[in-house]
C-alpha atoms as a PDB file:
ATOM      1  CA  MET A   1      -2.740   2.434  -9.214  1.00  0.00           C
ATOM      2  CA  ASN A   2      -0.100   1.147  -6.854  1.00  0.00           C
ATOM      3  CA  SER A   3       2.236   3.720  -5.485  1.00  0.00           C
ATOM      4  CA  MET A   4       5.819   3.498  -6.650  1.00  0.00           C
ATOM      5  CA  PHE A   5       6.992   4.825  -3.318  1.00  0.00           C
ATOM      6  CA  SER A   6       7.879   2.857  -0.207  1.00  0.00           C
ATOM      7  CA  SER A   7       6.581   3.024   3.333  1.00  0.00           C
ATOM      8  CA  PRO A   8       9.546   5.104   4.632  1.00  0.00           C
ATOM      9  CA  ASP A   9       8.678   7.752   2.042  1.00  0.00           C
ATOM     10  CA  ARG A  10       5.112   7.845   3.331  1.00  0.00           C
ATOM     11  CA  THR A  11       6.431   8.068   6.899  1.00  0.00           C
ATOM     12  CA  ILE A  12       8.291  11.245   5.972  1.00  0.00           C
ATOM     13  CA  VAL A  13       5.100  12.633   4.429  1.00  0.00           C
ATOM     14  CA  ALA A  14       3.274  12.061   7.703  1.00  0.00           C
ATOM     15  CA  ALA A  15       6.097  13.229   9.976  1.00  0.00           C
ATOM     16  CA  GLU A  16       6.645  16.462   8.055  1.00  0.00           C
ATOM     17  CA  ASN A  17       2.917  16.983   7.388  1.00  0.00           C
ATOM     18  CA  ILE A  18       3.535  17.204   3.642  1.00  0.00           C
ATOM     19  CA  GLU A  19       0.436  17.398   1.469  1.00  0.00           C
ATOM     20  CA  ALA A  20      -0.440  17.863  -2.172  1.00  0.00           C
ATOM     21  CA  ASN A  21      -3.086  20.450  -2.935  1.00  0.00           C
ATOM     22  CA  GLU A  22      -5.375  21.043  -5.890  1.00  0.00           C
ATOM     23  CA  GLU A  23      -2.765  23.285  -7.523  1.00  0.00           C
ATOM     24  CA  ASP A  24      -0.229  20.429  -7.397  1.00  0.00           C
ATOM     25  CA  LEU A  25      -2.773  18.109  -8.980  1.00  0.00           C
ATOM     26  CA  LYS A  26      -3.560  20.691 -11.659  1.00  0.00           C
ATOM     27  CA  LYS A  27       0.153  20.933 -12.527  1.00  0.00           C
ATOM     28  CA  GLU A  28       0.277  17.156 -12.877  1.00  0.00           C
ATOM     29  CA  PHE A  29      -2.717  17.247 -15.247  1.00  0.00           C
ATOM     30  CA  GLU A  30      -0.946  19.933 -17.282  1.00  0.00           C
ATOM     31  CA  LYS A  31       2.170  17.739 -17.588  1.00  0.00           C
ATOM     32  CA  MET A  32       0.045  14.802 -18.669  1.00  0.00           C
ATOM     33  CA  ALA A  33      -1.847  16.979 -21.144  1.00  0.00           C
ATOM     34  CA  GLN A  34       1.406  18.044 -22.785  1.00  0.00           C
ATOM     35  CA  MET A  35       2.549  14.435 -23.059  1.00  0.00           C
ATOM     36  CA  TYR A  36      -0.701  13.327 -24.680  1.00  0.00           C
ATOM     37  CA  GLN A  37      -1.326  16.560 -26.610  1.00  0.00           C
ATOM     38  CA  MET A  38      -4.665  17.101 -24.903  1.00  0.00           C
ATOM     39  CA  GLU A  39      -6.257  19.756 -22.739  1.00  0.00           C
ATOM     40  CA  ALA A  40      -5.631  19.460 -19.000  1.00  0.00           C
ATOM     41  CA  SER A  41      -9.390  19.591 -18.396  1.00  0.00           C
ATOM     42  CA  GLN A  42      -9.827  16.545 -20.657  1.00  0.00           C
ATOM     43  CA  ILE A  43      -7.233  14.624 -18.676  1.00  0.00           C
ATOM     44  CA  GLU A  44      -8.814  15.655 -15.393  1.00  0.00           C
ATOM     45  CA  GLY A  45     -12.256  14.582 -16.602  1.00  0.00           C
ATOM     46  CA  MET A  46     -10.995  11.127 -17.547  1.00  0.00           C
ATOM     47  CA  ILE A  47      -9.517  10.323 -14.150  1.00  0.00           C
ATOM     48  CA  PRO A  48     -11.790   8.949 -11.401  1.00  0.00           C
ATOM     49  CA  GLU A  49     -11.796  10.692  -8.006  1.00  0.00           C
ATOM     50  CA  GLU A  50     -10.153   7.711  -6.292  1.00  0.00           C
ATOM     51  CA  GLN A  51      -7.290   7.893  -8.771  1.00  0.00           C
ATOM     52  CA  LYS A  52      -6.953  11.640  -8.163  1.00  0.00           C
ATOM     53  CA  GLU A  53      -6.585  10.976  -4.430  1.00  0.00           C
ATOM     54  CA  ASN A  54      -3.870   8.402  -5.180  1.00  0.00           C
ATOM     55  CA  MET A  55      -2.131  10.937  -7.395  1.00  0.00           C
ATOM     56  CA  LYS A  56      -2.196  13.487  -4.555  1.00  0.00           C
ATOM     57  CA  LYS A  57      -0.596  10.929  -2.230  1.00  0.00           C
ATOM     58  CA  ASP A  58       2.149  10.232  -4.761  1.00  0.00           C
ATOM     59  CA  ILE A  59       2.733  13.958  -5.303  1.00  0.00           C
ATOM     60  CA  ALA A  60       3.072  14.393  -1.536  1.00  0.00           C
ATOM     61  CA  VAL A  61       5.682  11.629  -1.475  1.00  0.00           C
ATOM     62  CA  GLN A  62       7.544  13.313  -4.335  1.00  0.00           C
ATOM     63  CA  LYS A  63       7.547  16.500  -2.257  1.00  0.00           C
ATOM     64  CA  ALA A  64       8.900  14.503   0.699  1.00  0.00           C
ATOM     65  CA  VAL A  65      11.738  13.137  -1.420  1.00  0.00           C
ATOM     66  CA  GLU A  66      12.563  16.685  -2.532  1.00  0.00           C
ATOM     67  CA  PHE A  67      12.451  17.771   1.119  1.00  0.00           C
ATOM     68  CA  VAL A  68      14.914  15.040   2.132  1.00  0.00           C
ATOM     69  CA  LEU A  69      17.239  15.874  -0.749  1.00  0.00           C
ATOM     70  CA  ASP A  70      17.137  19.544   0.202  1.00  0.00           C
ATOM     71  CA  GLN A  71      18.044  18.615   3.800  1.00  0.00           C
ATOM     72  CA  ALA A  72      20.793  16.165   2.845  1.00  0.00           C
ATOM     73  CA  ASN A  73      24.405  16.944   3.562  1.00  0.00           C
ATOM     74  CA  VAL A  74      26.113  15.272   0.620  1.00  0.00           C
ATOM     75  CA  THR A  75      29.825  14.674   0.930  1.00  0.00           C
ATOM     76  CA  GLU A  76      32.334  13.112  -1.398  1.00  0.00           C
ATOM     77  CA  ALA A  77      32.974   9.398  -0.943  1.00  0.00           C
ATOM     78  CA  THR A  78      36.319   8.612   0.646  1.00  0.00           C
ATOM     79  CA  GLU A  79      36.608   5.190  -0.976  1.00  0.00           C
ATOM     80  CA  GLU A  80      35.083   3.379  -3.902  1.00  0.00           C
ATOM     81  CA  LEU A  81      32.501   0.731  -3.042  1.00  0.00           C
ATOM     82  CA  ASP A  82      32.380  -2.579  -4.896  1.00  0.00           C
ATOM     83  CA  PHE A  83      28.805  -3.798  -5.283  1.00  0.00           C
ATOM     84  CA  GLU A  84      29.518  -6.731  -7.556  1.00  0.00           C
ATOM     85  CA  GLU A  85      28.978 -10.236  -6.230  1.00  0.00           C
ATOM     86  CA  LYS A  86      32.085 -12.258  -5.576  1.00  0.00           C
END
């Protein structure tokens, strides 16, 4: 599984020492179990250890994104930006 997150996200994970633990992984299995109408233990048993480690990395990046958003000082834009090509 390729991570959907970029290198800067992973840099924040490292800089802030953000990690995913077994409880975080368990919560992810529970979400997946609800989606597929299965038991979390069934989901967990189907996923190889390497994939679980990748999932933990992605969860840590999600936590980093939440950290950045929590730290952000969002202000209202003073002008409208035009992103369309001319």
